Amino acid sequence: MLPFCVVSGGCLSLCKDTWQPEVTSPDGKYAASVFVRDCGATTSEYTHVVLRPTSFLSSYRDDNVVFSVKNDPAVGLQWTDPTHLMIDYENQSKTNVIFRAESWRGIQITMRSPSQ
């Protein structure tokens, strides 16, 4: 947990998280969310995508993060079926991607440029 906290500034109470509305899987079992963490003027903003079972109330845990990127790009989410989440990521520059999972608890995760 500590490495993720250090990279994202997540262990500091001075950070502000701005959450976008959840997107629920077609079968209602999972929810995906995007949030932007801003820890002030001297650090970069980080955008994270988290997944969770809908039976869990908490949206954020380190082991639920499936995508993290630096500098607050536009990120969109779309379920293509109950086990496939598509992440639309405006700036596909790999230098800004901090973490990207290909799957999570049986959910396949793919990336797509909105222009595709």
N, C-alpha and C. Protein backbone atom coordinates (compact mmCIF):
# COMPACT_ATOMS: atom_id res chain seq x y z
N MET A 1 0.81 -1.19 0.00
CA MET A 1 0.00 0.00 0.00
C MET A 1 0.86 1.26 0.00
N LEU A 2 1.93 1.28 0.75
CA LEU A 2 2.75 2.47 0.87
C LEU A 2 3.27 2.98 -0.47
N PRO A 3 3.78 2.12 -1.39
CA PRO A 3 4.25 2.67 -2.67
C PRO A 3 3.16 3.42 -3.42
N PHE A 4 1.93 2.89 -3.43
CA PHE A 4 0.85 3.58 -4.12
C PHE A 4 0.55 4.91 -3.44
N CYS A 5 0.58 4.93 -2.11
CA CYS A 5 0.32 6.16 -1.38
C CYS A 5 1.36 7.22 -1.70
N VAL A 6 2.61 6.82 -1.79
CA VAL A 6 3.68 7.76 -2.08
C VAL A 6 3.53 8.31 -3.49
N VAL A 7 3.27 7.44 -4.47
CA VAL A 7 3.14 7.87 -5.87
C VAL A 7 1.94 8.78 -6.05
N SER A 8 0.82 8.44 -5.46
CA SER A 8 -0.40 9.20 -5.70
C SER A 8 -0.69 10.26 -4.66
N GLY A 9 0.07 10.27 -3.58
CA GLY A 9 -0.21 11.22 -2.51
C GLY A 9 -1.43 10.83 -1.71
N GLY A 10 -1.85 9.58 -1.81
CA GLY A 10 -3.10 9.13 -1.21
C GLY A 10 -3.11 9.01 0.29
N CYS A 11 -1.97 9.01 0.94
CA CYS A 11 -1.95 8.85 2.39
C CYS A 11 -1.93 10.19 3.11
N LEU A 12 -1.96 11.27 2.38
CA LEU A 12 -1.94 12.59 2.98
C LEU A 12 -3.35 13.16 3.03
N SER A 13 -3.70 13.72 4.15
CA SER A 13 -5.05 14.27 4.30
C SER A 13 -5.22 15.61 3.58
N LEU A 14 -4.14 16.17 3.04
CA LEU A 14 -4.22 17.45 2.34
C LEU A 14 -4.75 17.29 0.92
N CYS A 15 -4.95 16.08 0.47
CA CYS A 15 -5.39 15.82 -0.90
C CYS A 15 -6.91 15.91 -1.01
N LYS A 16 -7.36 16.32 -2.19
CA LYS A 16 -8.79 16.38 -2.47
C LYS A 16 -9.10 15.41 -3.60
N ASP A 17 -10.08 14.55 -3.38
CA ASP A 17 -10.54 13.60 -4.41
C ASP A 17 -11.84 14.11 -5.01
N THR A 18 -11.90 14.15 -6.35
CA THR A 18 -13.11 14.54 -7.06
C THR A 18 -13.59 13.32 -7.82
N TRP A 19 -14.76 12.82 -7.45
CA TRP A 19 -15.31 11.58 -8.01
C TRP A 19 -16.30 11.87 -9.13
N GLN A 20 -16.23 11.06 -10.19
CA GLN A 20 -17.24 11.09 -11.25
C GLN A 20 -18.29 10.03 -10.90
N PRO A 21 -19.47 10.09 -11.50
CA PRO A 21 -20.51 9.10 -11.22
C PRO A 21 -20.05 7.67 -11.57
N GLU A 22 -20.50 6.72 -10.77
CA GLU A 22 -20.19 5.31 -11.01
C GLU A 22 -20.88 4.80 -12.28
N VAL A 23 -20.26 3.78 -12.87
CA VAL A 23 -20.84 3.08 -14.01
C VAL A 23 -20.97 1.62 -13.58
N THR A 24 -22.20 1.11 -13.54
CA THR A 24 -22.46 -0.25 -13.06
C THR A 24 -22.44 -1.23 -14.22
N SER A 25 -21.87 -2.42 -13.97
CA SER A 25 -21.82 -3.47 -14.99
C SER A 25 -23.24 -3.89 -15.38
N PRO A 26 -23.43 -4.42 -16.59
CA PRO A 26 -24.77 -4.80 -17.05
C PRO A 26 -25.50 -5.79 -16.13
N ASP A 27 -24.75 -6.64 -15.44
CA ASP A 27 -25.39 -7.59 -14.52
C ASP A 27 -25.55 -7.03 -13.11
N GLY A 28 -25.09 -5.80 -12.89
CA GLY A 28 -25.26 -5.14 -11.59
C GLY A 28 -24.31 -5.60 -10.51
N LYS A 29 -23.34 -6.45 -10.83
CA LYS A 29 -22.44 -7.01 -9.81
C LYS A 29 -21.25 -6.12 -9.46
N TYR A 30 -20.85 -5.26 -10.41
CA TYR A 30 -19.65 -4.44 -10.21
C TYR A 30 -19.94 -2.99 -10.56
N ALA A 31 -19.14 -2.11 -9.95
CA ALA A 31 -19.21 -0.68 -10.26
C ALA A 31 -17.80 -0.18 -10.55
N ALA A 32 -17.68 0.65 -11.54
CA ALA A 32 -16.42 1.30 -11.90
C ALA A 32 -16.56 2.79 -11.67
N SER A 33 -15.51 3.41 -11.17
CA SER A 33 -15.52 4.84 -10.89
C SER A 33 -14.21 5.47 -11.31
N VAL A 34 -14.27 6.75 -11.63
CA VAL A 34 -13.09 7.55 -11.92
C VAL A 34 -13.02 8.64 -10.86
N PHE A 35 -11.81 8.84 -10.31
CA PHE A 35 -11.64 10.00 -9.44
C PHE A 35 -10.29 10.64 -9.72
N VAL A 36 -10.23 11.95 -9.48
CA VAL A 36 -9.01 12.72 -9.65
C VAL A 36 -8.54 13.14 -8.27
N ARG A 37 -7.28 12.84 -7.99
CA ARG A 37 -6.67 13.22 -6.71
C ARG A 37 -5.76 14.42 -6.94
N ASP A 38 -6.05 15.52 -6.23
CA ASP A 38 -5.27 16.74 -6.32
C ASP A 38 -4.70 17.03 -4.94
N CYS A 39 -3.38 17.05 -4.85
CA CYS A 39 -2.72 17.27 -3.56
C CYS A 39 -2.04 18.62 -3.48
N GLY A 40 -2.48 19.56 -4.30
CA GLY A 40 -1.97 20.91 -4.19
C GLY A 40 -1.11 21.33 -5.37
N ALA A 41 -0.72 22.58 -5.34
CA ALA A 41 -0.02 23.21 -6.47
C ALA A 41 1.37 22.63 -6.73
N THR A 42 1.99 22.03 -5.74
CA THR A 42 3.36 21.55 -5.93
C THR A 42 3.42 20.09 -6.40
N THR A 43 2.28 19.47 -6.62
CA THR A 43 2.25 18.08 -7.10
C THR A 43 1.34 17.97 -8.32
N SER A 44 1.51 16.90 -9.06
CA SER A 44 0.65 16.65 -10.21
C SER A 44 -0.68 16.06 -9.75
N GLU A 45 -1.70 16.23 -10.57
CA GLU A 45 -2.97 15.55 -10.34
C GLU A 45 -2.85 14.13 -10.89
N TYR A 46 -3.54 13.20 -10.26
CA TYR A 46 -3.56 11.81 -10.72
C TYR A 46 -5.01 11.39 -10.90
N THR A 47 -5.29 10.74 -12.01
CA THR A 47 -6.63 10.21 -12.27
C THR A 47 -6.56 8.70 -12.08
N HIS A 48 -7.53 8.16 -11.34
CA HIS A 48 -7.57 6.74 -11.03
C HIS A 48 -8.91 6.14 -11.45
N VAL A 49 -8.88 4.89 -11.88
CA VAL A 49 -10.10 4.11 -12.11
C VAL A 49 -10.11 2.99 -11.07
N VAL A 50 -11.22 2.86 -10.37
CA VAL A 50 -11.36 1.80 -9.37
C VAL A 50 -12.56 0.93 -9.71
N LEU A 51 -12.44 -0.34 -9.38
CA LEU A 51 -13.53 -1.30 -9.52
C LEU A 51 -13.87 -1.84 -8.14
N ARG A 52 -15.13 -2.18 -7.96
CA ARG A 52 -15.56 -2.79 -6.70
C ARG A 52 -16.82 -3.60 -6.93
N PRO A 53 -17.03 -4.64 -6.14
CA PRO A 53 -18.34 -5.30 -6.17
C PRO A 53 -19.39 -4.31 -5.65
N THR A 54 -20.57 -4.30 -6.22
CA THR A 54 -21.60 -3.36 -5.77
C THR A 54 -22.05 -3.66 -4.34
N SER A 55 -21.75 -4.85 -3.85
CA SER A 55 -22.11 -5.19 -2.47
C SER A 55 -21.19 -4.50 -1.46
N PHE A 56 -20.05 -3.93 -1.89
CA PHE A 56 -19.14 -3.19 -1.02
C PHE A 56 -19.51 -1.72 -1.07
N LEU A 57 -19.60 -1.08 0.06
CA LEU A 57 -19.98 0.33 0.09
C LEU A 57 -18.81 1.24 -0.25
N SER A 58 -17.61 0.89 0.16
CA SER A 58 -16.45 1.73 -0.06
C SER A 58 -16.00 1.65 -1.52
N SER A 59 -15.74 2.80 -2.13
CA SER A 59 -15.30 2.84 -3.53
C SER A 59 -13.81 2.68 -3.68
N TYR A 60 -13.04 3.14 -2.69
CA TYR A 60 -11.59 3.19 -2.88
C TYR A 60 -10.85 2.28 -1.91
N ARG A 61 -10.02 1.43 -2.48
CA ARG A 61 -9.01 0.64 -1.78
C ARG A 61 -7.88 0.46 -2.77
N ASP A 62 -6.67 0.39 -2.29
CA ASP A 62 -5.53 0.25 -3.19
C ASP A 62 -5.67 -0.95 -4.12
N ASP A 63 -6.21 -2.06 -3.63
CA ASP A 63 -6.31 -3.26 -4.48
C ASP A 63 -7.47 -3.19 -5.46
N ASN A 64 -8.26 -2.14 -5.43
CA ASN A 64 -9.35 -1.95 -6.39
C ASN A 64 -8.96 -1.01 -7.53
N VAL A 65 -7.78 -0.41 -7.46
CA VAL A 65 -7.32 0.51 -8.50
C VAL A 65 -6.86 -0.31 -9.71
N VAL A 66 -7.44 -0.01 -10.88
CA VAL A 66 -7.09 -0.75 -12.10
C VAL A 66 -6.38 0.13 -13.12
N PHE A 67 -6.36 1.44 -12.89
CA PHE A 67 -5.71 2.35 -13.83
C PHE A 67 -5.38 3.64 -13.09
N SER A 68 -4.15 4.13 -13.28
CA SER A 68 -3.73 5.41 -12.71
C SER A 68 -2.89 6.14 -13.74
N VAL A 69 -3.16 7.42 -13.88
CA VAL A 69 -2.42 8.23 -14.85
C VAL A 69 -2.18 9.62 -14.26
N LYS A 70 -1.03 10.18 -14.59
CA LYS A 70 -0.63 11.50 -14.10
C LYS A 70 -1.20 12.60 -14.99
N ASN A 71 -1.53 13.73 -14.37
CA ASN A 71 -1.90 14.97 -15.05
C ASN A 71 -3.34 15.03 -15.54
N ASP A 72 -4.26 14.36 -14.88
CA ASP A 72 -5.70 14.56 -15.05
C ASP A 72 -6.21 14.56 -16.49
N PRO A 73 -5.99 13.50 -17.25
CA PRO A 73 -6.57 13.46 -18.59
C PRO A 73 -8.06 13.11 -18.52
N ALA A 74 -8.73 13.27 -19.65
CA ALA A 74 -10.13 12.86 -19.72
C ALA A 74 -10.17 11.33 -19.76
N VAL A 75 -10.90 10.73 -18.84
CA VAL A 75 -11.04 9.27 -18.76
C VAL A 75 -12.53 8.94 -18.72
N GLY A 76 -12.94 8.02 -19.59
CA GLY A 76 -14.33 7.57 -19.62
C GLY A 76 -14.41 6.07 -19.42
N LEU A 77 -15.55 5.59 -18.96
CA LEU A 77 -15.75 4.17 -18.69
C LEU A 77 -16.97 3.66 -19.43
N GLN A 78 -16.86 2.43 -19.95
CA GLN A 78 -18.00 1.80 -20.62
C GLN A 78 -17.90 0.29 -20.42
N TRP A 79 -18.97 -0.31 -19.92
CA TRP A 79 -19.06 -1.76 -19.82
C TRP A 79 -19.55 -2.28 -21.16
N THR A 80 -18.78 -3.19 -21.79
CA THR A 80 -19.24 -3.78 -23.05
C THR A 80 -20.01 -5.06 -22.82
N ASP A 81 -19.81 -5.68 -21.66
CA ASP A 81 -20.60 -6.82 -21.19
C ASP A 81 -20.28 -6.98 -19.71
N PRO A 82 -20.90 -7.94 -19.00
CA PRO A 82 -20.69 -8.03 -17.55
C PRO A 82 -19.25 -8.30 -17.10
N THR A 83 -18.39 -8.76 -18.00
CA THR A 83 -17.01 -9.06 -17.60
C THR A 83 -15.97 -8.29 -18.42
N HIS A 84 -16.36 -7.16 -19.02
CA HIS A 84 -15.42 -6.40 -19.84
C HIS A 84 -15.66 -4.90 -19.66
N LEU A 85 -14.64 -4.23 -19.12
CA LEU A 85 -14.69 -2.79 -18.93
C LEU A 85 -13.75 -2.13 -19.93
N MET A 86 -14.26 -1.15 -20.66
CA MET A 86 -13.48 -0.37 -21.61
C MET A 86 -13.16 0.97 -20.96
N ILE A 87 -11.88 1.33 -20.93
CA ILE A 87 -11.45 2.63 -20.41
C ILE A 87 -11.05 3.50 -21.59
N ASP A 88 -11.76 4.59 -21.78
CA ASP A 88 -11.41 5.58 -22.80
C ASP A 88 -10.46 6.59 -22.17
N TYR A 89 -9.30 6.73 -22.77
CA TYR A 89 -8.25 7.55 -22.21
C TYR A 89 -7.75 8.50 -23.29
N GLU A 90 -8.00 9.78 -23.12
CA GLU A 90 -7.73 10.78 -24.16
C GLU A 90 -6.27 10.84 -24.57
N ASN A 91 -5.36 10.87 -23.63
CA ASN A 91 -3.93 11.00 -23.94
C ASN A 91 -3.26 9.65 -23.73
N GLN A 92 -2.97 8.94 -24.80
CA GLN A 92 -2.43 7.59 -24.69
C GLN A 92 -0.91 7.56 -24.46
N SER A 93 -0.33 8.67 -24.07
CA SER A 93 1.11 8.73 -23.81
C SER A 93 1.48 7.81 -22.66
N LYS A 94 2.29 6.81 -22.93
CA LYS A 94 2.67 5.85 -21.90
C LYS A 94 3.51 6.47 -20.79
N THR A 95 4.11 7.61 -21.04
CA THR A 95 4.93 8.24 -20.00
C THR A 95 4.09 8.72 -18.83
N ASN A 96 2.80 8.94 -19.02
CA ASN A 96 1.94 9.41 -17.94
C ASN A 96 1.23 8.29 -17.20
N VAL A 97 1.21 7.08 -17.76
CA VAL A 97 0.52 5.97 -17.11
C VAL A 97 1.37 5.45 -15.96
N ILE A 98 0.78 5.43 -14.77
CA ILE A 98 1.46 4.95 -13.57
C ILE A 98 1.18 3.46 -13.36
N PHE A 99 -0.07 3.07 -13.60
CA PHE A 99 -0.47 1.68 -13.40
C PHE A 99 -1.62 1.36 -14.33
N ARG A 100 -1.58 0.15 -14.91
CA ARG A 100 -2.66 -0.31 -15.78
C ARG A 100 -2.82 -1.81 -15.61
N ALA A 101 -3.97 -2.25 -15.12
CA ALA A 101 -4.26 -3.67 -14.98
C ALA A 101 -4.96 -4.17 -16.24
N GLU A 102 -4.67 -5.39 -16.65
CA GLU A 102 -5.37 -6.00 -17.79
C GLU A 102 -6.62 -6.75 -17.35
N SER A 103 -6.66 -7.10 -16.06
CA SER A 103 -7.85 -7.77 -15.52
C SER A 103 -7.91 -7.54 -14.02
N TRP A 104 -9.11 -7.77 -13.48
CA TRP A 104 -9.34 -7.63 -12.04
C TRP A 104 -10.51 -8.54 -11.67
N ARG A 105 -10.25 -9.55 -10.85
CA ARG A 105 -11.29 -10.47 -10.38
C ARG A 105 -12.19 -10.99 -11.50
N GLY A 106 -11.59 -11.37 -12.61
CA GLY A 106 -12.34 -11.92 -13.73
C GLY A 106 -12.89 -10.89 -14.71
N ILE A 107 -12.68 -9.61 -14.43
CA ILE A 107 -13.12 -8.54 -15.32
C ILE A 107 -11.94 -8.21 -16.26
N GLN A 108 -12.17 -8.28 -17.57
CA GLN A 108 -11.15 -7.89 -18.53
C GLN A 108 -11.20 -6.37 -18.71
N ILE A 109 -10.02 -5.76 -18.78
CA ILE A 109 -9.94 -4.30 -18.88
C ILE A 109 -9.14 -3.96 -20.13
N THR A 110 -9.74 -3.17 -21.01
CA THR A 110 -9.04 -2.74 -22.22
C THR A 110 -9.08 -1.22 -22.32
N MET A 111 -8.11 -0.71 -23.06
CA MET A 111 -7.99 0.73 -23.27
C MET A 111 -8.39 1.07 -24.68
N ARG A 112 -8.96 2.26 -24.85
CA ARG A 112 -9.35 2.71 -26.19
C ARG A 112 -9.25 4.23 -26.23
N SER A 113 -8.72 4.71 -27.35
CA SER A 113 -8.72 6.14 -27.59
C SER A 113 -10.12 6.52 -28.07
N PRO A 114 -10.75 7.57 -27.54
CA PRO A 114 -12.09 7.95 -27.96
C PRO A 114 -12.20 8.21 -29.46
N SER A 115 -11.09 8.51 -30.12
CA SER A 115 -11.13 8.77 -31.56
C SER A 115 -11.19 7.48 -32.38
N GLN A 116 -11.02 6.31 -31.74
CA GLN A 116 -11.06 5.04 -32.46
C GLN A 116 -12.48 4.61 -32.77
